[in-house]
């Protein structure tokens, strides 16, 4: 038969076991809380880094869009210059041809008249 002292020792042992389990669980809780704080800090750092990157991307995208707009405008103007140059060249060739033809007629006309005399 168990005596009161045995019950007392068994109760103390059970309490000690429960305290050990509680202490082990508290250690796990402390470790996980520390891990959670580290992850939270990393998330805050990454969130700030993401904000900085997004701001930078927005500025650079606007700048690139301005480059695109300028390139489009310059390209359109260049095409007009090329078209104008082609037109000018065509007019110049036509006028040169007309001048050469007129000059040839002028040069031939006096010779023909002097040959008839």
C-alpha atoms as a PDB file:
ATOM      1  CA  UNK A   1       0.000   0.000   0.000  1.00  0.00           C
ATOM      2  CA  UNK A   2       1.140   3.436  -0.848  1.00  0.00           C
ATOM      3  CA  UNK A   3       1.859   5.783   1.917  1.00  0.00           C
ATOM      4  CA  UNK A   4       1.265   9.485   1.967  1.00  0.00           C
ATOM      5  CA  UNK A   5       4.978   9.969   1.412  1.00  0.00           C
ATOM      6  CA  UNK A   6       4.828   7.875  -1.766  1.00  0.00           C
ATOM      7  CA  UNK A   7       1.892   9.911  -3.035  1.00  0.00           C
ATOM      8  CA  UNK A   8       3.765  13.057  -2.208  1.00  0.00           C
ATOM      9  CA  UNK A   9       6.890  11.910  -4.084  1.00  0.00           C
ATOM     10  CA  UNK A  10       4.829  10.779  -7.057  1.00  0.00           C
ATOM     11  CA  UNK A  11       2.990  14.108  -7.108  1.00  0.00           C
ATOM     12  CA  UNK A  12       6.281  16.007  -6.939  1.00  0.00           C
ATOM     13  CA  UNK A  13       7.715  13.872  -9.753  1.00  0.00           C
ATOM     14  CA  UNK A  14       4.627  14.512 -11.893  1.00  0.00           C
ATOM     15  CA  UNK A  15       4.845  18.236 -11.213  1.00  0.00           C
ATOM     16  CA  UNK A  16       8.577  18.195 -12.058  1.00  0.00           C
ATOM     17  CA  UNK A  17       7.831  16.341 -15.314  1.00  0.00           C
ATOM     18  CA  UNK A  18       5.113  18.856 -16.206  1.00  0.00           C
ATOM     19  CA  UNK A  19       7.456  21.758 -15.403  1.00  0.00           C
ATOM     20  CA  UNK A  20      10.183  20.220 -17.590  1.00  0.00           C
ATOM     21  CA  UNK A  21       7.723  19.828 -20.462  1.00  0.00           C
ATOM     22  CA  UNK A  22       6.497  23.382 -19.908  1.00  0.00           C
ATOM     23  CA  UNK A  23      10.091  24.712 -19.859  1.00  0.00           C
ATOM     24  CA  UNK A  24      10.903  22.832 -23.077  1.00  0.00           C
ATOM     25  CA  UNK A  25       7.744  24.229 -24.662  1.00  0.00           C
ATOM     26  CA  UNK A  26       8.619  27.731 -23.431  1.00  0.00           C
ATOM     27  CA  UNK A  27      12.068  27.347 -25.028  1.00  0.00           C
ATOM     28  CA  UNK A  28      10.424  26.387 -28.319  1.00  0.00           C
ATOM     29  CA  UNK A  29       8.046  29.361 -28.024  1.00  0.00           C
ATOM     30  CA  UNK A  30      10.941  31.744 -27.361  1.00  0.00           C
ATOM     31  CA  UNK A  31      12.885  30.352 -30.322  1.00  0.00           C
ATOM     32  CA  UNK A  32       9.874  30.637 -32.636  1.00  0.00           C
ATOM     33  CA  UNK A  33       9.101  34.164 -31.410  1.00  0.00           C
ATOM     34  CA  UNK A  34      12.686  35.148 -32.193  1.00  0.00           C
ATOM     35  CA  UNK A  35      12.413  33.509 -35.623  1.00  0.00           C
ATOM     36  CA  UNK A  36       9.088  35.279 -36.224  1.00  0.00           C
ATOM     37  CA  UNK A  37      10.655  38.648 -35.299  1.00  0.00           C
ATOM     38  CA  UNK A  38      13.559  37.990 -37.673  1.00  0.00           C
ATOM     39  CA  UNK A  39      11.156  37.094 -40.490  1.00  0.00           C
ATOM     40  CA  UNK A  40       9.048  40.188 -39.729  1.00  0.00           C
ATOM     41  CA  UNK A  41      12.174  42.375 -39.845  1.00  0.00           C
ATOM     42  CA  UNK A  42      13.231  40.750 -43.131  1.00  0.00           C
ATOM     43  CA  UNK A  43       9.753  41.346 -44.558  1.00  0.00           C
ATOM     44  CA  UNK A  44       9.875  44.999 -43.505  1.00  0.00           C
ATOM     45  CA  UNK A  45      13.318  45.347 -45.094  1.00  0.00           C
ATOM     46  CA  UNK A  46      12.183  43.617 -48.265  1.00  0.00           C
ATOM     47  CA  UNK A  47       9.016  45.715 -48.359  1.00  0.00           C
ATOM     48  CA  UNK A  48      11.111  48.892 -48.162  1.00  0.00           C
ATOM     49  CA  UNK A  49      13.475  47.549 -50.827  1.00  0.00           C
ATOM     50  CA  UNK A  50      10.476  46.710 -53.033  1.00  0.00           C
ATOM     51  CA  UNK A  51       9.130  50.254 -52.581  1.00  0.00           C
ATOM     52  CA  UNK A  52      12.500  51.726 -53.579  1.00  0.00           C
ATOM     53  CA  UNK A  53      12.697  49.422 -56.618  1.00  0.00           C
ATOM     54  CA  UNK A  54       9.142  50.243 -57.684  1.00  0.00           C
ATOM     55  CA  UNK A  55       9.841  53.974 -57.381  1.00  0.00           C
ATOM     56  CA  UNK A  56      13.027  53.568 -59.411  1.00  0.00           C
ATOM     57  CA  UNK A  57      11.230  51.501 -62.034  1.00  0.00           C
ATOM     58  CA  UNK A  58       8.482  54.115 -62.309  1.00  0.00           C
ATOM     59  CA  UNK A  59      11.032  56.924 -62.830  1.00  0.00           C
ATOM     60  CA  UNK A  60      13.016  54.898 -65.344  1.00  0.00           C
ATOM     61  CA  UNK A  61       9.879  53.828 -67.193  1.00  0.00           C
ATOM     62  CA  UNK A  62       8.804  57.471 -67.519  1.00  0.00           C
ATOM     63  CA  UNK A  63      12.279  58.386 -68.776  1.00  0.00           C
ATOM     64  CA  UNK A  64      12.215  55.507 -71.273  1.00  0.00           C
ATOM     65  CA  UNK A  65       8.787  56.623 -72.466  1.00  0.00           C
ATOM     66  CA  UNK A  66      10.195  60.116 -73.033  1.00  0.00           C
ATOM     67  CA  UNK A  67      13.057  58.569 -75.022  1.00  0.00           C
ATOM     68  CA  UNK A  68      10.521  56.605 -77.083  1.00  0.00           C
ATOM     69  CA  UNK A  69       8.499  59.767 -77.727  1.00  0.00           C
ATOM     70  CA  UNK A  70      11.609  61.725 -78.741  1.00  0.00           C
ATOM     71  CA  UNK A  71      12.835  58.880 -80.964  1.00  0.00           C
ATOM     72  CA  UNK A  72       9.415  58.665 -82.647  1.00  0.00           C
ATOM     73  CA  UNK A  73       9.330  62.423 -83.238  1.00  0.00           C
ATOM     74  CA  UNK A  74      12.894  62.514 -84.569  1.00  0.00           C
ATOM     75  CA  UNK A  75      12.267  59.481 -86.771  1.00  0.00           C
ATOM     76  CA  UNK A  76       9.134  61.095 -88.215  1.00  0.00           C
ATOM     77  CA  UNK A  77      11.027  64.326 -88.863  1.00  0.00           C
ATOM     78  CA  UNK A  78      13.894  62.385 -90.440  1.00  0.00           C
ATOM     79  CA  UNK A  79      11.469  60.576 -92.741  1.00  0.00           C
ATOM     80  CA  UNK A  80      10.051  63.937 -93.823  1.00  0.00           C
ATOM     81  CA  UNK A  81      13.572  65.207 -94.472  1.00  0.00           C
ATOM     82  CA  UNK A  82      14.338  62.099 -96.550  1.00  0.00           C
ATOM     83  CA  UNK A  83      11.098  62.511 -98.486  1.00  0.00           C
ATOM     84  CA  UNK A  84      11.862  66.205 -99.032  1.00  0.00           C
ATOM     85  CA  UNK A  85      15.399  65.334-100.111  1.00  0.00           C
ATOM     86  CA  UNK A  86      14.069  62.781-102.581  1.00  0.00           C
ATOM     87  CA  UNK A  87      11.597  65.328-103.920  1.00  0.00           C
ATOM     88  CA  UNK A  88      14.315  67.967-104.144  1.00  0.00           C
ATOM     89  CA  UNK A  89      16.621  65.517-105.920  1.00  0.00           C
ATOM     90  CA  UNK A  90      13.858  64.616-108.368  1.00  0.00           C
ATOM     91  CA  UNK A  91      13.155  68.317-109.053  1.00  0.00           C
ATOM     92  CA  UNK A  92      16.887  69.012-109.398  1.00  0.00           C
ATOM     93  CA  UNK A  93      17.313  66.168-111.913  1.00  0.00           C
ATOM     94  CA  UNK A  94      14.253  67.304-113.865  1.00  0.00           C
ATOM     95  CA  UNK A  95      15.428  70.929-113.926  1.00  0.00           C
ATOM     96  CA  UNK A  96      18.980  69.892-114.809  1.00  0.00           C
ATOM     97  CA  UNK A  97      17.637  67.801-117.662  1.00  0.00           C
ATOM     98  CA  UNK A  98      15.507  70.712-118.846  1.00  0.00           C
ATOM     99  CA  UNK A  99      18.482  73.094-118.613  1.00  0.00           C
ATOM    100  CA  UNK A 100      20.750  70.677-120.485  1.00  0.00           C
ATOM    101  CA  UNK A 101      18.085  70.226-123.164  1.00  0.00           C
ATOM    102  CA  UNK A 102      17.556  73.990-123.412  1.00  0.00           C
ATOM    103  CA  UNK A 103      21.317  74.560-123.546  1.00  0.00           C
ATOM    104  CA  UNK A 104      21.675  71.930-126.257  1.00  0.00           C
ATOM    105  CA  UNK A 105      18.924  73.597-128.267  1.00  0.00           C
ATOM    106  CA  UNK A 106      20.526  77.004-127.773  1.00  0.00           C
ATOM    107  CA  UNK A 107      23.944  75.726-128.798  1.00  0.00           C
ATOM    108  CA  UNK A 108      22.557  73.911-131.849  1.00  0.00           C
ATOM    109  CA  UNK A 109      20.320  76.748-133.022  1.00  0.00           C
ATOM    110  CA  UNK A 110      23.078  79.285-133.809  1.00  0.00           C
ATOM    111  CA  UNK A 111      25.199  76.632-135.499  1.00  0.00           C
ATOM    112  CA  UNK A 112      22.308  75.663-137.716  1.00  0.00           C
ATOM    113  CA  UNK A 113      21.661  79.259-138.682  1.00  0.00           C
ATOM    114  CA  UNK A 114      25.330  79.937-139.437  1.00  0.00           C
ATOM    115  CA  UNK A 115      25.496  76.767-141.491  1.00  0.00           C
ATOM    116  CA  UNK A 116      22.611  77.971-143.669  1.00  0.00           C
ATOM    117  CA  UNK A 117      24.257  81.254-144.654  1.00  0.00           C
END
